[in-house]
PDB file of all heavy atoms in Angstrom:
ATOM      1  N   VAL A   1      51.512 -22.914  19.288  1.00  0.00           N
ATOM      2  CA  VAL A   1      52.145 -21.758  18.633  1.00  0.00           C
ATOM      3  C   VAL A   1      51.739 -21.694  17.166  1.00  0.00           C
ATOM      4  O   VAL A   1      51.410 -20.616  16.642  1.00  0.00           O
ATOM      5  CB  VAL A   1      53.676 -21.836  18.778  1.00  0.00           C
ATOM      6  CG1 VAL A   1      54.349 -20.763  17.932  1.00  0.00           C
ATOM      7  CG2 VAL A   1      54.081 -21.698  20.233  1.00  0.00           C
ATOM      8  N   VAL A   2      51.755 -22.836  16.485  1.00  0.00           N
ATOM      9  CA  VAL A   2      51.388 -22.870  15.067  1.00  0.00           C
ATOM     10  C   VAL A   2      49.943 -22.422  14.868  1.00  0.00           C
ATOM     11  O   VAL A   2      49.639 -21.643  13.949  1.00  0.00           O
ATOM     12  CB  VAL A   2      51.599 -24.289  14.497  1.00  0.00           C
ATOM     13  CG1 VAL A   2      50.962 -24.419  13.117  1.00  0.00           C
ATOM     14  CG2 VAL A   2      53.079 -24.617  14.413  1.00  0.00           C
ATOM     15  N   ALA A   3      49.041 -22.876  15.729  1.00  0.00           N
ATOM     16  CA  ALA A   3      47.627 -22.500  15.604  1.00  0.00           C
ATOM     17  C   ALA A   3      47.420 -21.010  15.825  1.00  0.00           C
ATOM     18  O   ALA A   3      46.678 -20.351  15.071  1.00  0.00           O
ATOM     19  CB  ALA A   3      46.788 -23.298  16.603  1.00  0.00           C
ATOM     20  N   LEU A   4      48.069 -20.457  16.832  1.00  0.00           N
ATOM     21  CA  LEU A   4      47.918 -19.027  17.112  1.00  0.00           C
ATOM     22  C   LEU A   4      48.512 -18.174  15.994  1.00  0.00           C
ATOM     23  O   LEU A   4      47.939 -17.145  15.617  1.00  0.00           O
ATOM     24  CB  LEU A   4      48.571 -18.690  18.453  1.00  0.00           C
ATOM     25  CG  LEU A   4      47.883 -19.278  19.695  1.00  0.00           C
ATOM     26  CD1 LEU A   4      48.685 -18.973  20.948  1.00  0.00           C
ATOM     27  CD2 LEU A   4      46.454 -18.748  19.818  1.00  0.00           C
ATOM     28  N   LEU A   5      49.660 -18.600  15.471  1.00  0.00           N
ATOM     29  CA  LEU A   5      50.257 -17.877  14.352  1.00  0.00           C
ATOM     30  C   LEU A   5      49.375 -17.944  13.115  1.00  0.00           C
ATOM     31  O   LEU A   5      49.206 -16.938  12.407  1.00  0.00           O
ATOM     32  CB  LEU A   5      51.638 -18.447  14.037  1.00  0.00           C
ATOM     33  CG  LEU A   5      52.792 -18.017  14.950  1.00  0.00           C
ATOM     34  CD1 LEU A   5      54.070 -18.748  14.576  1.00  0.00           C
ATOM     35  CD2 LEU A   5      53.000 -16.509  14.882  1.00  0.00           C
ATOM     36  N   ALA A   6      48.815 -19.109  12.836  1.00  0.00           N
ATOM     37  CA  ALA A   6      47.932 -19.257  11.676  1.00  0.00           C
ATOM     38  C   ALA A   6      46.718 -18.354  11.800  1.00  0.00           C
ATOM     39  O   ALA A   6      46.298 -17.707  10.824  1.00  0.00           O
ATOM     40  CB  ALA A   6      47.507 -20.712  11.529  1.00  0.00           C
ATOM     41  N   ALA A   7      46.140 -18.288  13.001  1.00  0.00           N
ATOM     42  CA  ALA A   7      44.977 -17.432  13.214  1.00  0.00           C
ATOM     43  C   ALA A   7      45.342 -15.963  13.031  1.00  0.00           C
ATOM     44  O   ALA A   7      44.623 -15.208  12.357  1.00  0.00           O
ATOM     45  CB  ALA A   7      44.411 -17.674  14.610  1.00  0.00           C
ATOM     46  N   ALA A   8      46.472 -15.541  13.613  1.00  0.00           N
ATOM     47  CA  ALA A   8      46.883 -14.138  13.521  1.00  0.00           C
ATOM     48  C   ALA A   8      47.219 -13.743  12.092  1.00  0.00           C
ATOM     49  O   ALA A   8      46.820 -12.665  11.620  1.00  0.00           O
ATOM     50  CB  ALA A   8      48.087 -13.893  14.437  1.00  0.00           C
ATOM     51  N   LEU A   9      47.934 -14.605  11.382  1.00  0.00           N
ATOM     52  CA  LEU A   9      48.312 -14.294  10.001  1.00  0.00           C
ATOM     53  C   LEU A   9      47.090 -14.252   9.089  1.00  0.00           C
ATOM     54  O   LEU A   9      47.007 -13.403   8.191  1.00  0.00           O
ATOM     55  CB  LEU A   9      49.320 -15.324   9.495  1.00  0.00           C
ATOM     56  CG  LEU A   9      50.718 -15.239  10.116  1.00  0.00           C
ATOM     57  CD1 LEU A   9      51.578 -16.411   9.654  1.00  0.00           C
ATOM     58  CD2 LEU A   9      51.389 -13.917   9.770  1.00  0.00           C
ATOM     59  N   SER A  10      46.150 -15.155   9.303  1.00  0.00           N
ATOM     60  CA  SER A  10      44.946 -15.148   8.471  1.00  0.00           C
ATOM     61  C   SER A  10      44.109 -13.901   8.739  1.00  0.00           C
ATOM     62  O   SER A  10      43.535 -13.316   7.810  1.00  0.00           O
ATOM     63  CB  SER A  10      44.112 -16.413   8.718  1.00  0.00           C
ATOM     64  OG  SER A  10      43.636 -16.465  10.055  1.00  0.00           O
ATOM     65  N   ALA A  11      44.051 -13.460   9.991  1.00  0.00           N
ATOM     66  CA  ALA A  11      43.335 -12.221  10.314  1.00  0.00           C
ATOM     67  C   ALA A  11      43.989 -11.031   9.652  1.00  0.00           C
ATOM     68  O   ALA A  11      43.310 -10.142   9.106  1.00  0.00           O
ATOM     69  CB  ALA A  11      43.284 -12.026  11.831  1.00  0.00           C
ATOM     70  N   SER A  12      45.318 -11.000   9.677  1.00  0.00           N
ATOM     71  CA  SER A  12      46.049  -9.885   9.064  1.00  0.00           C
ATOM     72  C   SER A  12      45.853  -9.861   7.555  1.00  0.00           C
ATOM     73  O   SER A  12      45.593  -8.797   6.963  1.00  0.00           O
ATOM     74  CB  SER A  12      47.536 -10.012   9.398  1.00  0.00           C
ATOM     75  OG  SER A  12      48.271  -8.978   8.801  1.00  0.00           O
ATOM     76  N   ALA A  13      45.958 -11.037   6.916  1.00  0.00           N
ATOM     77  CA  ALA A  13      45.803 -11.099   5.465  1.00  0.00           C
ATOM     78  C   ALA A  13      44.376 -10.748   5.048  1.00  0.00           C
ATOM     79  O   ALA A  13      44.160 -10.005   4.074  1.00  0.00           O
ATOM     80  CB  ALA A  13      46.171 -12.496   4.970  1.00  0.00           C
ATOM     81  N   PHE A  14      43.398 -11.254   5.782  1.00  0.00           N
ATOM     82  CA  PHE A  14      42.001 -10.962   5.453  1.00  0.00           C
ATOM     83  C   PHE A  14      41.704  -9.478   5.626  1.00  0.00           C
ATOM     84  O   PHE A  14      41.056  -8.852   4.773  1.00  0.00           O
ATOM     85  CB  PHE A  14      41.079 -11.794   6.346  1.00  0.00           C
ATOM     86  CG  PHE A  14      39.617 -11.474   6.182  1.00  0.00           C
ATOM     87  CD1 PHE A  14      38.922 -11.916   5.073  1.00  0.00           C
ATOM     88  CD2 PHE A  14      38.950 -10.724   7.134  1.00  0.00           C
ATOM     89  CE1 PHE A  14      37.575 -11.615   4.905  1.00  0.00           C
ATOM     90  CE2 PHE A  14      37.606 -10.417   6.985  1.00  0.00           C
ATOM     91  CZ  PHE A  14      36.923 -10.859   5.868  1.00  0.00           C
ATOM     92  N   THR A  15      42.194  -8.889   6.707  1.00  0.00           N
ATOM     93  CA  THR A  15      41.949  -7.473   6.966  1.00  0.00           C
ATOM     94  C   THR A  15      42.604  -6.598   5.903  1.00  0.00           C
ATOM     95  O   THR A  15      42.015  -5.609   5.448  1.00  0.00           O
ATOM     96  CB  THR A  15      42.468  -7.096   8.364  1.00  0.00           C
ATOM     97  OG1 THR A  15      41.782  -7.885   9.347  1.00  0.00           O
ATOM     98  CG2 THR A  15      42.238  -5.624   8.660  1.00  0.00           C
ATOM     99  N   ALA A  16      43.805  -6.966   5.483  1.00  0.00           N
ATOM    100  CA  ALA A  16      44.478  -6.207   4.426  1.00  0.00           C
ATOM    101  C   ALA A  16      43.693  -6.278   3.122  1.00  0.00           C
ATOM    102  O   ALA A  16      43.578  -5.277   2.395  1.00  0.00           O
ATOM    103  CB  ALA A  16      45.892  -6.751   4.225  1.00  0.00           C
ATOM    104  N   HIS A  17      43.132  -7.446   2.815  1.00  0.00           N
ATOM    105  CA  HIS A  17      42.349  -7.601   1.582  1.00  0.00           C
ATOM    106  C   HIS A  17      41.065  -6.770   1.653  1.00  0.00           C
ATOM    107  O   HIS A  17      40.685  -6.108   0.671  1.00  0.00           O
ATOM    108  CB  HIS A  17      42.023  -9.071   1.363  1.00  0.00           C
ATOM    109  CG  HIS A  17      41.309  -9.350   0.080  1.00  0.00           C
ATOM    110  ND1 HIS A  17      41.823  -9.009  -1.159  1.00  0.00           N
ATOM    111  CD2 HIS A  17      40.087  -9.917  -0.161  1.00  0.00           C
ATOM    112  CE1 HIS A  17      40.976  -9.360  -2.103  1.00  0.00           C
ATOM    113  NE2 HIS A  17      39.911  -9.909  -1.527  1.00  0.00           N
ATOM    114  N   VAL A  18      40.409  -6.789   2.796  1.00  0.00           N
ATOM    115  CA  VAL A  18      39.191  -5.994   2.969  1.00  0.00           C
ATOM    116  C   VAL A  18      39.511  -4.507   2.871  1.00  0.00           C
ATOM    117  O   VAL A  18      38.737  -3.726   2.289  1.00  0.00           O
ATOM    118  CB  VAL A  18      38.520  -6.336   4.321  1.00  0.00           C
ATOM    119  CG1 VAL A  18      37.389  -5.354   4.624  1.00  0.00           C
ATOM    120  CG2 VAL A  18      37.990  -7.756   4.308  1.00  0.00           C
ATOM    121  N   ARG A  19      40.641  -4.093   3.420  1.00  0.00           N
ATOM    122  CA  ARG A  19      41.032  -2.680   3.336  1.00  0.00           C
ATOM    123  C   ARG A  19      41.210  -2.256   1.873  1.00  0.00           C
ATOM    124  O   ARG A  19      40.758  -1.180   1.469  1.00  0.00           O
ATOM    125  CB  ARG A  19      42.327  -2.450   4.109  1.00  0.00           C
ATOM    126  CG  ARG A  19      42.795  -0.991   4.061  1.00  0.00           C
ATOM    127  CD  ARG A  19      44.121  -0.776   4.763  1.00  0.00           C
ATOM    128  NE  ARG A  19      43.973  -0.842   6.219  1.00  0.00           N
ATOM    129  CZ  ARG A  19      44.417  -1.817   6.981  1.00  0.00           C
ATOM    130  NH1 ARG A  19      45.070  -2.840   6.426  1.00  0.00           N
ATOM    131  NH2 ARG A  19      44.244  -1.797   8.277  1.00  0.00           N
ATOM    132  N   ARG A  20      41.848  -3.113   1.083  1.00  0.00           N
ATOM    133  CA  ARG A  20      42.066  -2.777  -0.332  1.00  0.00           C
ATOM    134  C   ARG A  20      40.753  -2.726  -1.100  1.00  0.00           C
ATOM    135  O   ARG A  20      40.560  -1.839  -1.939  1.00  0.00           O
ATOM    136  CB  ARG A  20      42.991  -3.818  -0.973  1.00  0.00           C
ATOM    137  CG  ARG A  20      44.449  -3.701  -0.559  1.00  0.00           C
ATOM    138  CD  ARG A  20      45.339  -4.527  -1.472  1.00  0.00           C
ATOM    139  NE  ARG A  20      44.982  -5.938  -1.461  1.00  0.00           N
ATOM    140  CZ  ARG A  20      45.484  -6.832  -0.616  1.00  0.00           C
ATOM    141  NH1 ARG A  20      46.380  -6.450   0.288  1.00  0.00           N
ATOM    142  NH2 ARG A  20      45.113  -8.098  -0.672  1.00  0.00           N
ATOM    143  N   ARG A  21      39.861  -3.660  -0.836  1.00  0.00           N
ATOM    144  CA  ARG A  21      38.635  -3.757  -1.632  1.00  0.00           C
ATOM    145  C   ARG A  21      37.524  -2.827  -1.153  1.00  0.00           C
ATOM    146  O   ARG A  21      36.801  -2.255  -1.966  1.00  0.00           O
ATOM    147  CB  ARG A  21      38.124  -5.200  -1.620  1.00  0.00           C
ATOM    148  CG  ARG A  21      38.962  -6.175  -2.413  1.00  0.00           C
ATOM    149  CD  ARG A  21      38.980  -5.826  -3.911  1.00  0.00           C
ATOM    150  NE  ARG A  21      37.668  -5.586  -4.441  1.00  0.00           N
ATOM    151  CZ  ARG A  21      36.807  -6.543  -4.824  1.00  0.00           C
ATOM    152  NH1 ARG A  21      37.171  -7.817  -4.731  1.00  0.00           N
ATOM    153  NH2 ARG A  21      35.616  -6.251  -5.303  1.00  0.00           N
ATOM    154  N   LEU A  22      37.371  -2.710   0.161  1.00  0.00           N
ATOM    155  CA  LEU A  22      36.220  -1.975   0.690  1.00  0.00           C
ATOM    156  C   LEU A  22      36.593  -0.687   1.420  1.00  0.00           C
ATOM    157  O   LEU A  22      35.735   0.165   1.624  1.00  0.00           O
ATOM    158  CB  LEU A  22      35.430  -2.870   1.655  1.00  0.00           C
ATOM    159  CG  LEU A  22      34.934  -4.208   1.100  1.00  0.00           C
ATOM    160  CD1 LEU A  22      34.196  -4.986   2.185  1.00  0.00           C
ATOM    161  CD2 LEU A  22      34.038  -4.001  -0.110  1.00  0.00           C
ATOM    162  N   GLY A  23      37.831  -0.572   1.831  1.00  0.00           N
ATOM    163  CA  GLY A  23      38.253   0.619   2.554  1.00  0.00           C
ATOM    164  C   GLY A  23      37.825   0.654   4.000  1.00  0.00           C
ATOM    165  O   GLY A  23      38.081   1.635   4.707  1.00  0.00           O
ATOM    166  N   GLY A  24      37.174  -0.389   4.478  1.00  0.00           N
ATOM    167  CA  GLY A  24      36.713  -0.412   5.865  1.00  0.00           C
ATOM    168  C   GLY A  24      35.964  -1.698   6.168  1.00  0.00           C
ATOM    169  O   GLY A  24      35.736  -2.521   5.286  1.00  0.00           O
ATOM    170  N   HIS A  25      35.572  -1.844   7.415  1.00  0.00           N
ATOM    171  CA  HIS A  25      34.864  -3.058   7.822  1.00  0.00           C
ATOM    172  C   HIS A  25      33.356  -2.888   7.693  1.00  0.00           C
ATOM    173  O   HIS A  25      32.848  -1.764   7.624  1.00  0.00           O
ATOM    174  CB  HIS A  25      35.211  -3.419   9.274  1.00  0.00           C
ATOM    175  CG  HIS A  25      34.678  -2.426  10.278  1.00  0.00           C
ATOM    176  ND1 HIS A  25      35.477  -1.516  10.930  1.00  0.00           N
ATOM    177  CD2 HIS A  25      33.408  -2.190  10.731  1.00  0.00           C
ATOM    178  CE1 HIS A  25      34.741  -0.787  11.739  1.00  0.00           C
ATOM    179  NE2 HIS A  25      33.474  -1.169  11.636  1.00  0.00           N
ATOM    180  N   THR A  26      32.666  -3.997   7.677  1.00  0.00           N
ATOM    181  CA  THR A  26      31.209  -4.042   7.796  1.00  0.00           C
ATOM    182  C   THR A  26      30.882  -5.139   8.813  1.00  0.00           C
ATOM    183  O   THR A  26      31.762  -5.896   9.227  1.00  0.00           O
ATOM    184  CB  THR A  26      30.521  -4.377   6.462  1.00  0.00           C
ATOM    185  OG1 THR A  26      30.799  -5.753   6.122  1.00  0.00           O
ATOM    186  CG2 THR A  26      31.000  -3.467   5.334  1.00  0.00           C
ATOM    187  N   GLY A  27      29.623  -5.234   9.185  1.00  0.00           N
ATOM    188  CA  GLY A  27      29.222  -6.327  10.065  1.00  0.00           C
ATOM    189  C   GLY A  27      29.526  -7.675   9.436  1.00  0.00           C
ATOM    190  O   GLY A  27      29.902  -8.635  10.136  1.00  0.00           O
ATOM    191  N   ASP A  28      29.400  -7.762   8.114  1.00  0.00           N
ATOM    192  CA  ASP A  28      29.686  -9.021   7.423  1.00  0.00           C
ATOM    193  C   ASP A  28      31.166  -9.375   7.489  1.00  0.00           C
ATOM    194  O   ASP A  28      31.523 -10.535   7.724  1.00  0.00           O
ATOM    195  CB  ASP A  28      29.246  -8.925   5.954  1.00  0.00           C
ATOM    196  CG  ASP A  28      27.746  -8.949   5.791  1.00  0.00           C
ATOM    197  OD1 ASP A  28      27.070  -9.608   6.591  1.00  0.00           O
ATOM    198  OD2 ASP A  28      27.245  -8.301   4.849  1.00  0.00           O
ATOM    199  N   THR A  29      32.046  -8.398   7.288  1.00  0.00           N
ATOM    200  CA  THR A  29      33.475  -8.724   7.309  1.00  0.00           C
ATOM    201  C   THR A  29      33.943  -9.073   8.721  1.00  0.00           C
ATOM    202  O   THR A  29      34.866  -9.876   8.888  1.00  0.00           O
ATOM    203  CB  THR A  29      34.338  -7.576   6.751  1.00  0.00           C
ATOM    204  OG1 THR A  29      34.317  -6.454   7.641  1.00  0.00           O
ATOM    205  CG2 THR A  29      33.864  -7.153   5.368  1.00  0.00           C
ATOM    206  N   ILE A  30      33.312  -8.490   9.730  1.00  0.00           N
ATOM    207  CA  ILE A  30      33.657  -8.849  11.108  1.00  0.00           C
ATOM    208  C   ILE A  30      33.324 -10.315  11.359  1.00  0.00           C
ATOM    209  O   ILE A  30      34.127 -11.071  11.919  1.00  0.00           O
ATOM    210  CB  ILE A  30      32.922  -7.931  12.103  1.00  0.00           C
ATOM    211  CG1 ILE A  30      33.418  -6.492  11.974  1.00  0.00           C
ATOM    212  CG2 ILE A  30      33.116  -8.424  13.536  1.00  0.00           C
ATOM    213  CD1 ILE A  30      32.577  -5.482  12.738  1.00  0.00           C
ATOM    214  N   GLY A  31      32.119 -10.737  10.932  1.00  0.00           N
ATOM    215  CA  GLY A  31      31.747 -12.141  11.076  1.00  0.00           C
ATOM    216  C   GLY A  31      32.617 -13.052  10.242  1.00  0.00           C
ATOM    217  O   GLY A  31      33.006 -14.145  10.677  1.00  0.00           O
ATOM    218  N   ALA A  32      32.955 -12.604   9.034  1.00  0.00           N
ATOM    219  CA  ALA A  32      33.812 -13.404   8.159  1.00  0.00           C
ATOM    220  C   ALA A  32      35.195 -13.591   8.763  1.00  0.00           C
ATOM    221  O   ALA A  32      35.798 -14.666   8.639  1.00  0.00           O
ATOM    222  CB  ALA A  32      33.919 -12.752   6.783  1.00  0.00           C
ATOM    223  N   CYS A  33      35.710 -12.557   9.432  1.00  0.00           N
ATOM    224  CA  CYS A  33      37.017 -12.669  10.071  1.00  0.00           C
ATOM    225  C   CYS A  33      36.998 -13.752  11.141  1.00  0.00           C
ATOM    226  O   CYS A  33      37.968 -14.515  11.280  1.00  0.00           O
ATOM    227  CB  CYS A  33      37.414 -11.326  10.680  1.00  0.00           C
ATOM    228  SG  CYS A  33      39.085 -11.311  11.368  1.00  0.00           S
ATOM    229  N   GLN A  34      35.916 -13.850  11.887  1.00  0.00           N
ATOM    230  CA  GLN A  34      35.814 -14.917  12.890  1.00  0.00           C
ATOM    231  C   GLN A  34      35.907 -16.280  12.231  1.00  0.00           C
ATOM    232  O   GLN A  34      36.617 -17.173  12.721  1.00  0.00           O
ATOM    233  CB  GLN A  34      34.495 -14.780  13.661  1.00  0.00           C
ATOM    234  CG  GLN A  34      34.349 -15.735  14.828  1.00  0.00           C
ATOM    235  CD  GLN A  34      33.879 -17.129  14.435  1.00  0.00           C
ATOM    236  OE1 GLN A  34      33.103 -17.284  13.486  1.00  0.00           O
ATOM    237  NE2 GLN A  34      34.338 -18.139  15.141  1.00  0.00           N
ATOM    238  N   GLN A  35      35.196 -16.449  11.123  1.00  0.00           N
ATOM    239  CA  GLN A  35      35.208 -17.732  10.430  1.00  0.00           C
ATOM    240  C   GLN A  35      36.581 -18.060   9.861  1.00  0.00           C
ATOM    241  O   GLN A  35      37.086 -19.176  10.024  1.00  0.00           O
ATOM    242  CB  GLN A  35      34.173 -17.709   9.301  1.00  0.00           C
ATOM    243  CG  GLN A  35      32.740 -17.707   9.769  1.00  0.00           C
ATOM    244  CD  GLN A  35      32.296 -19.078  10.239  1.00  0.00           C
ATOM    245  OE1 GLN A  35      32.081 -19.986   9.453  1.00  0.00           O
ATOM    246  NE2 GLN A  35      32.182 -19.237  11.547  1.00  0.00           N
ATOM    247  N   VAL A  36      37.191 -17.105   9.204  1.00  0.00           N
ATOM    248  CA  VAL A  36      38.498 -17.326   8.582  1.00  0.00           C
ATOM    249  C   VAL A  36      39.538 -17.714   9.623  1.00  0.00           C
ATOM    250  O   VAL A  36      40.313 -18.665   9.436  1.00  0.00           O
ATOM    251  CB  VAL A  36      38.944 -16.055   7.822  1.00  0.00           C
ATOM    252  CG1 VAL A  36      40.407 -16.147   7.410  1.00  0.00           C
ATOM    253  CG2 VAL A  36      38.063 -15.837   6.596  1.00  0.00           C
ATOM    254  N   THR A  37      39.558 -16.999  10.740  1.00  0.00           N
ATOM    255  CA  THR A  37      40.576 -17.273  11.754  1.00  0.00           C
ATOM    256  C   THR A  37      40.308 -18.578  12.492  1.00  0.00           C
ATOM    257  O   THR A  37      41.259 -19.299  12.847  1.00  0.00           O
ATOM    258  CB  THR A  37      40.670 -16.114  12.752  1.00  0.00           C
ATOM    259  OG1 THR A  37      39.377 -15.833  13.308  1.00  0.00           O
ATOM    260  CG2 THR A  37      41.171 -14.856  12.066  1.00  0.00           C
ATOM    261  N   GLU A  38      39.065 -18.902  12.733  1.00  0.00           N
ATOM    262  CA  GLU A  38      38.756 -20.168  13.406  1.00  0.00           C
ATOM    263  C   GLU A  38      39.143 -21.354  12.526  1.00  0.00           C
ATOM    264  O   GLU A  38      39.724 -22.340  13.011  1.00  0.00           O
ATOM    265  CB  GLU A  38      37.273 -20.247  13.762  1.00  0.00           C
ATOM    266  CG  GLU A  38      36.910 -21.494  14.558  1.00  0.00           C
ATOM    267  CD  GLU A  38      35.488 -21.461  15.060  1.00  0.00           C
ATOM    268  OE1 GLU A  38      34.553 -21.538  14.231  1.00  0.00           O
ATOM    269  OE2 GLU A  38      35.295 -21.350  16.290  1.00  0.00           O
ATOM    270  N   ILE A  39      38.838 -21.269  11.247  1.00  0.00           N
ATOM    271  CA  ILE A  39      39.195 -22.355  10.322  1.00  0.00           C
ATOM    272  C   ILE A  39      40.713 -22.482  10.236  1.00  0.00           C
ATOM    273  O   ILE A  39      41.254 -23.600  10.251  1.00  0.00           O
ATOM    274  CB  ILE A  39      38.582 -22.096   8.935  1.00  0.00           C
ATOM    275  CG1 ILE A  39      37.067 -22.230   8.994  1.00  0.00           C
ATOM    276  CG2 ILE A  39      39.160 -23.057   7.899  1.00  0.00           C
ATOM    277  CD1 ILE A  39      36.354 -21.731   7.755  1.00  0.00           C
ATOM    278  N   ALA A  40      41.416 -21.359  10.156  1.00  0.00           N
ATOM    279  CA  ALA A  40      42.876 -21.398  10.085  1.00  0.00           C
ATOM    280  C   ALA A  40      43.469 -22.037  11.330  1.00  0.00           C
ATOM    281  O   ALA A  40      44.404 -22.855  11.245  1.00  0.00           O
ATOM    282  CB  ALA A  40      43.426 -19.983   9.899  1.00  0.00           C
ATOM    283  N   ALA A  41      42.949 -21.677  12.496  1.00  0.00           N
ATOM    284  CA  ALA A  41      43.462 -22.241  13.742  1.00  0.00           C
ATOM    285  C   ALA A  41      43.183 -23.739  13.835  1.00  0.00           C
ATOM    286  O   ALA A  41      44.059 -24.523  14.228  1.00  0.00           O
ATOM    287  CB  ALA A  41      42.841 -21.510  14.935  1.00  0.00           C
TER     288      ALA A  41
END
């Protein structure tokens, strides 16, 4: 449960930050999201 929550929360926080800075996704941010969530989990 802790691992899944950490992954979900990190994805949400990262996506919110990308939305504020870039206004949308890129191929790079999609790959970065995989890395961020895997490390968090």
